[in-house]
Amino acid sequence: MSTFNIKNNLSPEENYQSGLLPQRNKKGLYYKQSSCRSQLNNFNLSSENRRILNKTKDFSFKVLPLKDFNLAPNIQKNIIAWTKALAWDFPPSSIKTIFNQHIFNYVYVWQNSKKQTIAYGLCYFSDSISHIAYVFYQPELAHSNLPIRLTLQVIIDSQAKNLKYCYLGRFSPQTGYYKRNMPGFEHFVNNSWQTLKT
């Protein structure tokens, strides 16, 4: 059962640990629906993870503090067009909010071999956890390996920073089911973090 508009005095880390996720429409609000993460102490790349890395090796990325990233009108226009083409329910106002007025503090900017920007990954990083919160990419890449790489790369980078967990957002057979293949995968069920039963 989903619960929205949860407001409390807990830190982001405490809310994530409790299975909550930040709402996109306003900083300080959380929701409870489904959540998953990578436990980085159990970090181990599978053959499938390595296959994704190999298939996407022609893409490059840079990581910028969000305060140094300018959501220029042309970038915003591209992201809005991408979400519409992918039939995502993502209002333009929420796109502005998550980039400019939220807890997220880093952005991954991805380019193809022609140095064209083709994807963005919006993240939250603290001293102990990370969250790959939102990804946006060119619609023609929707069925490629790149969307999975966007998440996998943040997990790899989080482990390199010696963080405890990388939160991956929602998870269900209908939403983000590919995440079950991520290293150290856990999901929040019955008020506790559990490994996925197969």
Protein backbone atom coordinates (compact mmCIF):
# COMPACT_ATOMS: atom_id res chain seq x y z
CA MET A 1 0.00 0.00 0.00
CA SER A 2 1.34 3.42 -0.98
CA THR A 3 1.53 6.37 1.41
CA PHE A 4 2.40 9.86 0.17
CA ASN A 5 3.19 13.31 1.61
CA ILE A 6 5.07 11.95 4.62
CA LYS A 7 6.80 14.74 6.52
CA ASN A 8 9.06 14.18 9.54
CA ASN A 9 12.18 15.47 11.26
CA LEU A 10 14.39 12.55 10.28
CA SER A 11 17.54 12.91 8.19
CA PRO A 12 17.51 11.70 4.59
CA GLU A 13 19.65 8.73 5.67
CA GLU A 14 17.11 7.75 8.35
CA ASN A 15 14.21 8.07 5.92
CA TYR A 16 15.93 5.92 3.30
CA GLN A 17 16.74 3.31 5.97
CA SER A 18 13.03 3.26 6.87
CA GLY A 19 12.08 2.38 3.31
CA LEU A 20 10.95 5.89 2.37
CA LEU A 21 11.79 7.72 -0.84
CA PRO A 22 11.78 11.47 -1.50
CA GLN A 23 8.83 12.82 -3.43
CA ARG A 24 9.76 14.65 -6.57
CA ASN A 25 7.26 17.49 -6.22
CA LYS A 26 8.59 19.05 -3.00
CA LYS A 27 11.72 18.89 -0.86
CA GLY A 28 11.04 17.47 2.60
CA LEU A 29 8.20 15.17 1.57
CA TYR A 30 8.62 11.39 1.36
CA TYR A 31 6.51 8.48 0.23
CA LYS A 32 6.33 4.78 1.03
CA GLN A 33 5.61 2.43 -1.84
CA SER A 34 8.49 0.14 -2.63
CA SER A 35 12.20 0.65 -2.21
CA CYS A 36 15.41 -1.20 -3.00
CA ARG A 37 19.14 -0.75 -2.54
CA SER A 38 22.57 -2.25 -3.04
CA GLN A 39 24.36 -3.22 0.13
CA LEU A 40 27.88 -2.24 -0.78
CA ASN A 41 29.53 -4.48 1.83
CA ASN A 42 28.43 -7.42 -0.32
CA PHE A 43 29.71 -5.83 -3.48
CA ASN A 44 30.37 -8.30 -6.27
CA LEU A 45 29.93 -7.70 -9.99
CA SER A 46 28.09 -10.54 -11.67
CA SER A 47 28.72 -11.72 -15.22
CA GLU A 48 25.55 -9.81 -16.20
CA ASN A 49 26.92 -6.63 -14.60
CA ARG A 50 30.19 -7.03 -16.51
CA ARG A 51 28.27 -7.63 -19.72
CA ILE A 52 26.43 -4.33 -19.26
CA LEU A 53 29.72 -2.52 -18.68
CA ASN A 54 31.25 -4.05 -21.78
CA LYS A 55 28.23 -3.27 -23.98
CA THR A 56 28.24 0.38 -22.90
CA LYS A 57 31.99 1.05 -22.97
CA ASP A 58 31.62 3.56 -25.84
CA PHE A 59 29.66 5.92 -23.58
CA SER A 60 31.45 8.34 -21.27
CA PHE A 61 30.29 10.36 -18.29
CA LYS A 62 31.28 13.13 -15.92
CA VAL A 63 29.94 13.80 -12.44
CA LEU A 64 29.11 17.37 -11.47
CA PRO A 65 27.97 18.91 -8.21
CA LEU A 66 24.42 19.97 -8.92
CA LYS A 67 25.22 23.50 -7.76
CA ASP A 68 27.62 23.74 -10.74
CA PHE A 69 25.11 22.42 -13.25
CA ASN A 70 22.94 24.85 -15.17
CA LEU A 71 19.54 23.49 -16.14
CA ALA A 72 19.54 25.72 -19.20
CA PRO A 73 16.31 26.09 -21.22
CA ASN A 74 17.60 23.84 -24.02
CA ILE A 75 18.53 21.08 -21.55
CA GLN A 76 15.17 21.33 -19.82
CA LYS A 77 13.42 21.25 -23.19
CA ASN A 78 15.31 18.09 -24.19
CA ILE A 79 14.50 16.32 -20.92
CA ILE A 80 10.81 17.22 -21.22
CA ALA A 81 10.75 15.96 -24.81
CA TRP A 82 12.46 12.71 -23.78
CA THR A 83 9.96 12.03 -20.98
CA LYS A 84 7.02 12.73 -23.28
CA ALA A 85 8.39 10.45 -26.02
CA LEU A 86 8.87 7.70 -23.41
CA ALA A 87 5.30 8.29 -22.12
CA TRP A 88 6.58 8.96 -18.59
CA ASP A 89 4.28 10.78 -16.19
CA PHE A 90 6.76 13.48 -15.21
CA PRO A 91 5.46 17.07 -15.09
CA PRO A 92 7.88 19.79 -16.27
CA SER A 93 7.44 21.55 -12.92
CA SER A 94 8.77 18.46 -11.11
CA ILE A 95 11.78 18.33 -13.43
CA LYS A 96 12.66 21.89 -12.41
CA THR A 97 12.10 21.07 -8.74
CA ILE A 98 14.37 18.02 -8.58
CA PHE A 99 17.21 19.87 -10.30
CA ASN A 100 16.90 23.19 -8.49
CA GLN A 101 15.06 22.82 -5.18
CA HIS A 102 15.55 19.36 -3.73
CA ILE A 103 17.98 17.23 -1.71
CA PHE A 104 19.77 15.88 -4.78
CA ASN A 105 23.32 17.17 -5.08
CA TYR A 106 25.12 15.49 -7.99
CA VAL A 107 24.35 14.85 -11.65
CA TYR A 108 25.92 12.37 -14.04
CA VAL A 109 26.14 13.72 -17.58
CA TRP A 110 26.50 10.98 -20.20
CA GLN A 111 27.77 11.33 -23.75
CA ASN A 112 28.05 9.05 -26.76
CA SER A 113 31.17 8.53 -28.87
CA LYS A 114 30.32 11.67 -30.84
CA LYS A 115 30.40 13.73 -27.62
CA GLN A 116 26.66 14.31 -27.78
CA THR A 117 24.86 14.43 -24.42
CA ILE A 118 22.40 11.57 -24.38
CA ALA A 119 21.52 11.01 -20.70
CA TYR A 120 21.48 12.45 -17.19
CA GLY A 121 21.44 10.72 -13.82
CA LEU A 122 20.35 12.75 -10.80
CA CYS A 123 21.71 11.59 -7.43
CA TYR A 124 21.96 12.20 -3.73
CA PHE A 125 25.30 11.52 -2.03
CA SER A 126 26.08 11.76 1.68
CA ASP A 127 29.01 10.49 3.74
CA SER A 128 27.37 7.08 4.11
CA ILE A 129 24.78 6.52 1.35
CA SER A 130 23.84 7.43 -2.18
CA HIS A 131 20.62 7.37 -4.17
CA ILE A 132 20.37 7.20 -7.96
CA ALA A 133 17.08 9.03 -7.97
CA TYR A 134 16.15 9.90 -11.56
CA VAL A 135 17.53 9.06 -14.97
CA PHE A 136 16.67 10.76 -18.23
CA TYR A 137 17.85 9.54 -21.63
CA GLN A 138 17.19 9.78 -25.33
CA PRO A 139 14.13 7.67 -26.19
CA GLU A 140 15.95 5.64 -28.83
CA LEU A 141 18.19 4.28 -26.05
CA ALA A 142 15.25 2.94 -24.02
CA HIS A 143 15.81 -0.69 -25.02
CA SER A 144 19.60 -0.54 -25.01
CA ASN A 145 21.92 -1.44 -22.13
CA LEU A 146 22.57 2.20 -21.24
CA PRO A 147 19.62 2.75 -18.83
CA ILE A 148 20.91 -0.15 -16.72
CA ARG A 149 24.46 1.22 -16.88
CA LEU A 150 23.23 4.55 -15.50
CA THR A 151 22.27 2.80 -12.27
CA LEU A 152 25.15 0.34 -12.20
CA GLN A 153 27.75 3.10 -12.52
CA VAL A 154 26.45 4.94 -9.46
CA ILE A 155 26.64 1.69 -7.49
CA ILE A 156 30.25 1.16 -8.58
CA ASP A 157 31.19 4.74 -7.72
CA SER A 158 29.43 4.53 -4.36
CA GLN A 159 31.41 1.43 -3.44
CA ALA A 160 34.63 3.21 -4.43
CA LYS A 161 33.70 5.97 -1.96
CA ASN A 162 33.27 3.34 0.81
CA LEU A 163 29.59 4.13 1.26
CA LYS A 164 27.30 1.64 3.01
CA TYR A 165 24.33 1.62 0.64
CA CYS A 166 23.28 2.86 -2.76
CA TYR A 167 19.52 3.31 -2.89
CA LEU A 168 17.94 2.49 -6.24
CA GLY A 169 14.39 3.82 -5.95
CA ARG A 170 11.23 1.83 -6.50
CA PHE A 171 11.12 -1.89 -7.15
CA SER A 172 8.39 -4.30 -8.19
CA PRO A 173 7.81 -6.77 -11.03
CA GLN A 174 6.28 -3.80 -12.90
CA THR A 175 8.76 -1.08 -11.87
CA GLY A 176 12.52 -1.42 -12.06
CA TYR A 177 12.60 -5.21 -12.02
CA TYR A 178 16.03 -5.16 -13.70
CA LYS A 179 17.41 -3.82 -10.42
CA ARG A 180 17.27 -7.32 -8.91
CA ASN A 181 20.50 -8.03 -10.83
CA MET A 182 22.42 -5.24 -9.11
CA PRO A 183 25.23 -6.11 -6.67
CA GLY A 184 24.15 -6.69 -3.07
CA PHE A 185 20.48 -6.25 -3.95
CA GLU A 186 17.94 -5.83 -1.14
CA HIS A 187 14.34 -4.64 -1.09
CA PHE A 188 12.14 -3.28 1.69
CA VAL A 189 9.39 -5.74 2.61
CA ASN A 190 7.29 -5.99 5.78
CA ASN A 191 9.21 -3.11 7.38
CA SER A 192 12.63 -4.69 6.93
CA TRP A 193 15.37 -4.96 4.33
CA GLN A 194 15.54 -8.42 2.77
CA THR A 195 17.33 -10.18 -0.02
CA LEU A 196 15.14 -11.18 -2.94
CA LYS A 197 13.69 -14.67 -2.64
CA THR A 198 13.88 -16.53 -5.95
